[in-house]
Amino acid sequence: MTTADLKRAFMDERPVRYNGITYQRVTAVIYRKTPDKTGLLVQGELLDKNGRAGMIAAAERIEVEEPK
């Protein structure tokens, strides 16, 4: 997903998928400098279904969970 999509999922508290697993919502949007310090890496912090664990994933690998 794009940075804008990640922000929208974060603000709307929508469920998202990463690596085939559905997470409750995005709890943070994280910006980090690239190792060569020439750009940014955008990541999302994802809350699991039990509300106990978080996963940090690259924005481009996160998908919005479509309602069924």
PDB file of N, CA and C in Angstrom:
ATOM      1  N   MET A   1       0.842  -1.170   0.000  1.00  0.00           N
ATOM      2  CA  MET A   1       0.000   0.000   0.000  1.00  0.00           C
ATOM      3  C   MET A   1       0.884   1.228   0.000  1.00  0.00           C
ATOM      4  N   THR A   2       0.344   2.318  -0.476  1.00  0.00           N
ATOM      5  CA  THR A   2       1.091   3.569  -0.506  1.00  0.00           C
ATOM      6  C   THR A   2       1.091   4.203   0.888  1.00  0.00           C
ATOM      7  N   THR A   3       1.908   5.221   1.051  1.00  0.00           N
ATOM      8  CA  THR A   3       1.948   5.948   2.322  1.00  0.00           C
ATOM      9  C   THR A   3       0.577   6.552   2.632  1.00  0.00           C
ATOM     10  N   ALA A   4      -0.070   7.110   1.617  1.00  0.00           N
ATOM     11  CA  ALA A   4      -1.406   7.698   1.810  1.00  0.00           C
ATOM     12  C   ALA A   4      -2.414   6.625   2.229  1.00  0.00           C
ATOM     13  N   ASP A   5      -2.339   5.443   1.609  1.00  0.00           N
ATOM     14  CA  ASP A   5      -3.239   4.342   1.976  1.00  0.00           C
ATOM     15  C   ASP A   5      -2.997   3.900   3.417  1.00  0.00           C
ATOM     16  N   LEU A   6      -1.731   3.840   3.814  1.00  0.00           N
ATOM     17  CA  LEU A   6      -1.386   3.435   5.177  1.00  0.00           C
ATOM     18  C   LEU A   6      -1.927   4.452   6.187  1.00  0.00           C
ATOM     19  N   LYS A   7      -1.773   5.726   5.882  1.00  0.00           N
ATOM     20  CA  LYS A   7      -2.309   6.772   6.769  1.00  0.00           C
ATOM     21  C   LYS A   7      -3.826   6.657   6.890  1.00  0.00           C
ATOM     22  N   ARG A   8      -4.510   6.391   5.761  1.00  0.00           N
ATOM     23  CA  ARG A   8      -5.975   6.284   5.770  1.00  0.00           C
ATOM     24  C   ARG A   8      -6.400   5.081   6.602  1.00  0.00           C
ATOM     25  N   ALA A   9      -5.729   3.935   6.435  1.00  0.00           N
ATOM     26  CA  ALA A   9      -6.048   2.745   7.233  1.00  0.00           C
ATOM     27  C   ALA A   9      -5.815   3.022   8.716  1.00  0.00           C
ATOM     28  N   PHE A  10      -4.762   3.769   9.020  1.00  0.00           N
ATOM     29  CA  PHE A  10      -4.446   4.156  10.399  1.00  0.00           C
ATOM     30  C   PHE A  10      -5.559   5.038  10.979  1.00  0.00           C
ATOM     31  N   MET A  11      -5.944   6.052  10.255  1.00  0.00           N
ATOM     32  CA  MET A  11      -6.961   6.985  10.750  1.00  0.00           C
ATOM     33  C   MET A  11      -8.343   6.324  10.846  1.00  0.00           C
ATOM     34  N   ASP A  12      -8.659   5.439   9.916  1.00  0.00           N
ATOM     35  CA  ASP A  12      -9.966   4.769   9.904  1.00  0.00           C
ATOM     36  C   ASP A  12     -10.006   3.530  10.803  1.00  0.00           C
ATOM     37  N   GLU A  13      -8.841   3.125  11.348  1.00  0.00           N
ATOM     38  CA  GLU A  13      -8.728   1.940  12.207  1.00  0.00           C
ATOM     39  C   GLU A  13      -9.275   0.692  11.515  1.00  0.00           C
ATOM     40  N   ARG A  14      -8.912   0.529  10.255  1.00  0.00           N
ATOM     41  CA  ARG A  14      -9.378  -0.616   9.464  1.00  0.00           C
ATOM     42  C   ARG A  14      -8.462  -1.811   9.649  1.00  0.00           C
ATOM     43  N   PRO A  15      -9.005  -3.024   9.599  1.00  0.00           N
ATOM     44  CA  PRO A  15      -8.163  -4.225   9.634  1.00  0.00           C
ATOM     45  C   PRO A  15      -7.264  -4.272   8.399  1.00  0.00           C
ATOM     46  N   VAL A  16      -6.071  -4.809   8.576  1.00  0.00           N
ATOM     47  CA  VAL A  16      -5.120  -4.937   7.477  1.00  0.00           C
ATOM     48  C   VAL A  16      -4.530  -6.343   7.467  1.00  0.00           C
ATOM     49  N   ARG A  17      -3.932  -6.720   6.318  1.00  0.00           N
ATOM     50  CA  ARG A  17      -3.286  -8.032   6.185  1.00  0.00           C
ATOM     51  C   ARG A  17      -1.811  -7.824   5.896  1.00  0.00           C
ATOM     52  N   TYR A  18      -1.008  -8.714   6.501  1.00  0.00           N
ATOM     53  CA  TYR A  18       0.426  -8.744   6.243  1.00  0.00           C
ATOM     54  C   TYR A  18       0.871 -10.198   6.317  1.00  0.00           C
ATOM     55  N   ASN A  19       1.546 -10.668   5.291  1.00  0.00           N
ATOM     56  CA  ASN A  19       2.026 -12.062   5.247  1.00  0.00           C
ATOM     57  C   ASN A  19       0.906 -13.074   5.472  1.00  0.00           C
ATOM     58  N   GLY A  20      -0.285 -12.787   4.954  1.00  0.00           N
ATOM     59  CA  GLY A  20      -1.402 -13.712   5.069  1.00  0.00           C
ATOM     60  C   GLY A  20      -2.116 -13.690   6.410  1.00  0.00           C
ATOM     61  N   ILE A  21      -1.714 -12.796   7.309  1.00  0.00           N
ATOM     62  CA  ILE A  21      -2.331 -12.699   8.638  1.00  0.00           C
ATOM     63  C   ILE A  21      -3.108 -11.387   8.721  1.00  0.00           C
ATOM     64  N   THR A  22      -4.311 -11.448   9.286  1.00  0.00           N
ATOM     65  CA  THR A  22      -5.125 -10.250   9.469  1.00  0.00           C
ATOM     66  C   THR A  22      -4.825  -9.636  10.833  1.00  0.00           C
ATOM     67  N   TYR A  23      -4.590  -8.343  10.832  1.00  0.00           N
ATOM     68  CA  TYR A  23      -4.332  -7.580  12.058  1.00  0.00           C
ATOM     69  C   TYR A  23      -5.494  -6.633  12.309  1.00  0.00           C
ATOM     70  N   GLN A  24      -5.758  -6.333  13.589  1.00  0.00           N
ATOM     71  CA  GLN A  24      -6.896  -5.474  13.972  1.00  0.00           C
ATOM     72  C   GLN A  24      -6.848  -4.119  13.292  1.00  0.00           C
ATOM     73  N   ARG A  25      -5.650  -3.490  13.376  1.00  0.00           N
ATOM     74  CA  ARG A  25      -5.528  -2.130  12.843  1.00  0.00           C
ATOM     75  C   ARG A  25      -4.067  -1.699  12.843  1.00  0.00           C
ATOM     76  N   VAL A  26      -3.820  -0.582  12.203  1.00  0.00           N
ATOM     77  CA  VAL A  26      -2.505   0.047  12.219  1.00  0.00           C
ATOM     78  C   VAL A  26      -2.472   0.967  13.432  1.00  0.00           C
ATOM     79  N   THR A  27      -1.496   0.783  14.313  1.00  0.00           N
ATOM     80  CA  THR A  27      -1.419   1.606  15.528  1.00  0.00           C
ATOM     81  C   THR A  27      -0.425   2.755  15.402  1.00  0.00           C
ATOM     82  N   ALA A  28       0.409   2.730  14.351  1.00  0.00           N
ATOM     83  CA  ALA A  28       1.366   3.814  14.135  1.00  0.00           C
ATOM     84  C   ALA A  28       1.882   3.770  12.705  1.00  0.00           C
ATOM     85  N   VAL A  29       2.209   4.937  12.181  1.00  0.00           N
ATOM     86  CA  VAL A  29       2.910   5.048  10.909  1.00  0.00           C
ATOM     87  C   VAL A  29       4.307   5.532  11.263  1.00  0.00           C
ATOM     88  N   ILE A  30       5.315   4.783  10.821  1.00  0.00           N
ATOM     89  CA  ILE A  30       6.695   5.053  11.220  1.00  0.00           C
ATOM     90  C   ILE A  30       7.509   5.454   9.991  1.00  0.00           C
ATOM     91  N   TYR A  31       8.260   6.536  10.129  1.00  0.00           N
ATOM     92  CA  TYR A  31       9.177   6.984   9.081  1.00  0.00           C
ATOM     93  C   TYR A  31      10.597   6.804   9.604  1.00  0.00           C
ATOM     94  N   ARG A  32      11.428   6.109   8.832  1.00  0.00           N
ATOM     95  CA  ARG A  32      12.836   5.907   9.201  1.00  0.00           C
ATOM     96  C   ARG A  32      13.700   6.317   8.014  1.00  0.00           C
ATOM     97  N   LYS A  33      14.887   6.814   8.303  1.00  0.00           N
ATOM     98  CA  LYS A  33      15.836   7.117   7.237  1.00  0.00           C
ATOM     99  C   LYS A  33      16.354   5.801   6.663  1.00  0.00           C
ATOM    100  N   THR A  34      16.593   5.791   5.348  1.00  0.00           N
ATOM    101  CA  THR A  34      17.209   4.628   4.728  1.00  0.00           C
ATOM    102  C   THR A  34      18.644   4.510   5.238  1.00  0.00           C
ATOM    103  N   PRO A  35      19.227   3.327   5.170  1.00  0.00           N
ATOM    104  CA  PRO A  35      20.600   3.164   5.662  1.00  0.00           C
ATOM    105  C   PRO A  35      21.602   4.140   5.037  1.00  0.00           C
ATOM    106  N   ASP A  36      21.383   4.492   3.763  1.00  0.00           N
ATOM    107  CA  ASP A  36      22.303   5.442   3.119  1.00  0.00           C
ATOM    108  C   ASP A  36      21.906   6.901   3.361  1.00  0.00           C
ATOM    109  N   LYS A  37      20.856   7.102   4.141  1.00  0.00           N
ATOM    110  CA  LYS A  37      20.366   8.424   4.551  1.00  0.00           C
ATOM    111  C   LYS A  37      19.921   9.329   3.388  1.00  0.00           C
ATOM    112  N   THR A  38      19.499   8.703   2.276  1.00  0.00           N
ATOM    113  CA  THR A  38      19.062   9.496   1.126  1.00  0.00           C
ATOM    114  C   THR A  38      17.549   9.484   0.936  1.00  0.00           C
ATOM    115  N   GLY A  39      16.844   8.719   1.743  1.00  0.00           N
ATOM    116  CA  GLY A  39      15.399   8.623   1.588  1.00  0.00           C
ATOM    117  C   GLY A  39      14.741   8.156   2.871  1.00  0.00           C
ATOM    118  N   LEU A  40      13.466   7.790   2.741  1.00  0.00           N
ATOM    119  CA  LEU A  40      12.692   7.325   3.881  1.00  0.00           C
ATOM    120  C   LEU A  40      12.127   5.935   3.647  1.00  0.00           C
ATOM    121  N   LEU A  41      12.058   5.165   4.716  1.00  0.00           N
ATOM    122  CA  LEU A  41      11.334   3.898   4.733  1.00  0.00           C
ATOM    123  C   LEU A  41      10.059   4.149   5.520  1.00  0.00           C
ATOM    124  N   VAL A  42       8.927   3.767   4.965  1.00  0.00           N
ATOM    125  CA  VAL A  42       7.652   3.951   5.653  1.00  0.00           C
ATOM    126  C   VAL A  42       7.178   2.589   6.114  1.00  0.00           C
ATOM    127  N   GLN A  43       6.841   2.502   7.405  1.00  0.00           N
ATOM    128  CA  GLN A  43       6.406   1.246   7.995  1.00  0.00           C
ATOM    129  C   GLN A  43       5.138   1.472   8.807  1.00  0.00           C
ATOM    130  N   GLY A  44       4.407   0.401   8.988  1.00  0.00           N
ATOM    131  CA  GLY A  44       3.222   0.438   9.841  1.00  0.00           C
ATOM    132  C   GLY A  44       3.410  -0.483  11.023  1.00  0.00           C
ATOM    133  N   GLU A  45       2.942  -0.056  12.181  1.00  0.00           N
ATOM    134  CA  GLU A  45       2.919  -0.918  13.362  1.00  0.00           C
ATOM    135  C   GLU A  45       1.519  -1.512  13.420  1.00  0.00           C
ATOM    136  N   LEU A  46       1.443  -2.840  13.427  1.00  0.00           N
ATOM    137  CA  LEU A  46       0.164  -3.542  13.318  1.00  0.00           C
ATOM    138  C   LEU A  46      -0.169  -4.246  14.624  1.00  0.00           C
ATOM    139  N   LEU A  47      -1.416  -4.121  15.066  1.00  0.00           N
ATOM    140  CA  LEU A  47      -1.885  -4.752  16.295  1.00  0.00           C
ATOM    141  C   LEU A  47      -2.565  -6.069  15.962  1.00  0.00           C
ATOM    142  N   ASP A  48      -2.162  -7.169  16.637  1.00  0.00           N
ATOM    143  CA  ASP A  48      -2.757  -8.474  16.344  1.00  0.00           C
ATOM    144  C   ASP A  48      -4.200  -8.556  16.828  1.00  0.00           C
ATOM    145  N   LYS A  49      -4.870  -9.633  16.443  1.00  0.00           N
ATOM    146  CA  LYS A  49      -6.300  -9.788  16.770  1.00  0.00           C
ATOM    147  C   LYS A  49      -6.567  -9.866  18.261  1.00  0.00           C
ATOM    148  N   ASN A  50      -5.597 -10.338  19.050  1.00  0.00           N
ATOM    149  CA  ASN A  50      -5.772 -10.424  20.498  1.00  0.00           C
ATOM    150  C   ASN A  50      -5.469  -9.105  21.202  1.00  0.00           C
ATOM    151  N   GLY A  51      -4.933  -8.144  20.478  1.00  0.00           N
ATOM    152  CA  GLY A  51      -4.613  -6.855  21.063  1.00  0.00           C
ATOM    153  C   GLY A  51      -3.410  -6.890  21.988  1.00  0.00           C
ATOM    154  N   ARG A  52      -2.559  -7.890  21.827  1.00  0.00           N
ATOM    155  CA  ARG A  52      -1.427  -8.060  22.739  1.00  0.00           C
ATOM    156  C   ARG A  52      -0.062  -7.879  22.097  1.00  0.00           C
ATOM    157  N   ALA A  53       0.024  -8.048  20.799  1.00  0.00           N
ATOM    158  CA  ALA A  53       1.331  -8.002  20.139  1.00  0.00           C
ATOM    159  C   ALA A  53       1.290  -7.059  18.945  1.00  0.00           C
ATOM    160  N   GLY A  54       2.425  -6.472  18.675  1.00  0.00           N
ATOM    161  CA  GLY A  54       2.545  -5.586  17.527  1.00  0.00           C
ATOM    162  C   GLY A  54       3.588  -6.112  16.559  1.00  0.00           C
ATOM    163  N   MET A  55       3.412  -5.801  15.292  1.00  0.00           N
ATOM    164  CA  MET A  55       4.343  -6.201  14.237  1.00  0.00           C
ATOM    165  C   MET A  55       4.653  -4.945  13.441  1.00  0.00           C
ATOM    166  N   ILE A  56       5.907  -4.759  13.091  1.00  0.00           N
ATOM    167  CA  ILE A  56       6.274  -3.635  12.238  1.00  0.00           C
ATOM    168  C   ILE A  56       6.556  -4.187  10.852  1.00  0.00           C
ATOM    169  N   ALA A  57       5.893  -3.592   9.845  1.00  0.00           N
ATOM    170  CA  ALA A  57       6.003  -4.081   8.476  1.00  0.00           C
ATOM    171  C   ALA A  57       6.151  -2.922   7.504  1.00  0.00           C
ATOM    172  N   ALA A  58       6.831  -3.177   6.401  1.00  0.00           N
ATOM    173  CA  ALA A  58       6.980  -2.182   5.340  1.00  0.00           C
ATOM    174  C   ALA A  58       5.612  -1.874   4.736  1.00  0.00           C
ATOM    175  N   ALA A  59       5.364  -0.612   4.474  1.00  0.00           N
ATOM    176  CA  ALA A  59       4.062  -0.177   3.955  1.00  0.00           C
ATOM    177  C   ALA A  59       3.674  -0.921   2.682  1.00  0.00           C
ATOM    178  N   GLU A  60       4.642  -1.160   1.796  1.00  0.00           N
ATOM    179  CA  GLU A  60       4.307  -1.796   0.523  1.00  0.00           C
ATOM    180  C   GLU A  60       3.903  -3.254   0.664  1.00  0.00           C
ATOM    181  N   ARG A  61       4.101  -3.848   1.831  1.00  0.00           N
ATOM    182  CA  ARG A  61       3.732  -5.254   2.051  1.00  0.00           C
ATOM    183  C   ARG A  61       2.421  -5.405   2.843  1.00  0.00           C
ATOM    184  N   ILE A  62       1.805  -4.293   3.207  1.00  0.00           N
ATOM    185  CA  ILE A  62       0.554  -4.307   3.975  1.00  0.00           C
ATOM    186  C   ILE A  62      -0.606  -4.082   3.000  1.00  0.00           C
ATOM    187  N   GLU A  63      -1.702  -4.799   3.227  1.00  0.00           N
ATOM    188  CA  GLU A  63      -2.899  -4.653   2.409  1.00  0.00           C
ATOM    189  C   GLU A  63      -4.094  -4.365   3.312  1.00  0.00           C
ATOM    190  N   VAL A  64      -5.033  -3.561   2.816  1.00  0.00           N
ATOM    191  CA  VAL A  64      -6.258  -3.316   3.569  1.00  0.00           C
ATOM    192  C   VAL A  64      -7.129  -4.556   3.468  1.00  0.00           C
ATOM    193  N   GLU A  65      -7.655  -5.010   4.590  1.00  0.00           N
ATOM    194  CA  GLU A  65      -8.554  -6.168   4.632  1.00  0.00           C
ATOM    195  C   GLU A  65      -9.930  -5.711   4.148  1.00  0.00           C
ATOM    196  N   GLU A  66     -10.389  -6.313   3.073  1.00  0.00           N
ATOM    197  CA  GLU A  66     -11.684  -5.946   2.515  1.00  0.00           C
ATOM    198  C   GLU A  66     -12.799  -6.618   3.328  1.00  0.00           C
ATOM    199  N   PRO A  67     -13.896  -5.895   3.595  1.00  0.00           N
ATOM    200  CA  PRO A  67     -15.017  -6.495   4.322  1.00  0.00           C
ATOM    201  C   PRO A  67     -15.615  -7.655   3.527  1.00  0.00           C
ATOM    202  N   LYS A  68     -16.082  -8.679   4.237  1.00  0.00           N
ATOM    203  CA  LYS A  68     -16.650  -9.856   3.569  1.00  0.00           C
ATOM    204  C   LYS A  68     -18.147  -9.802   3.549  1.00  0.00           C
TER     205      LYS A  68
END
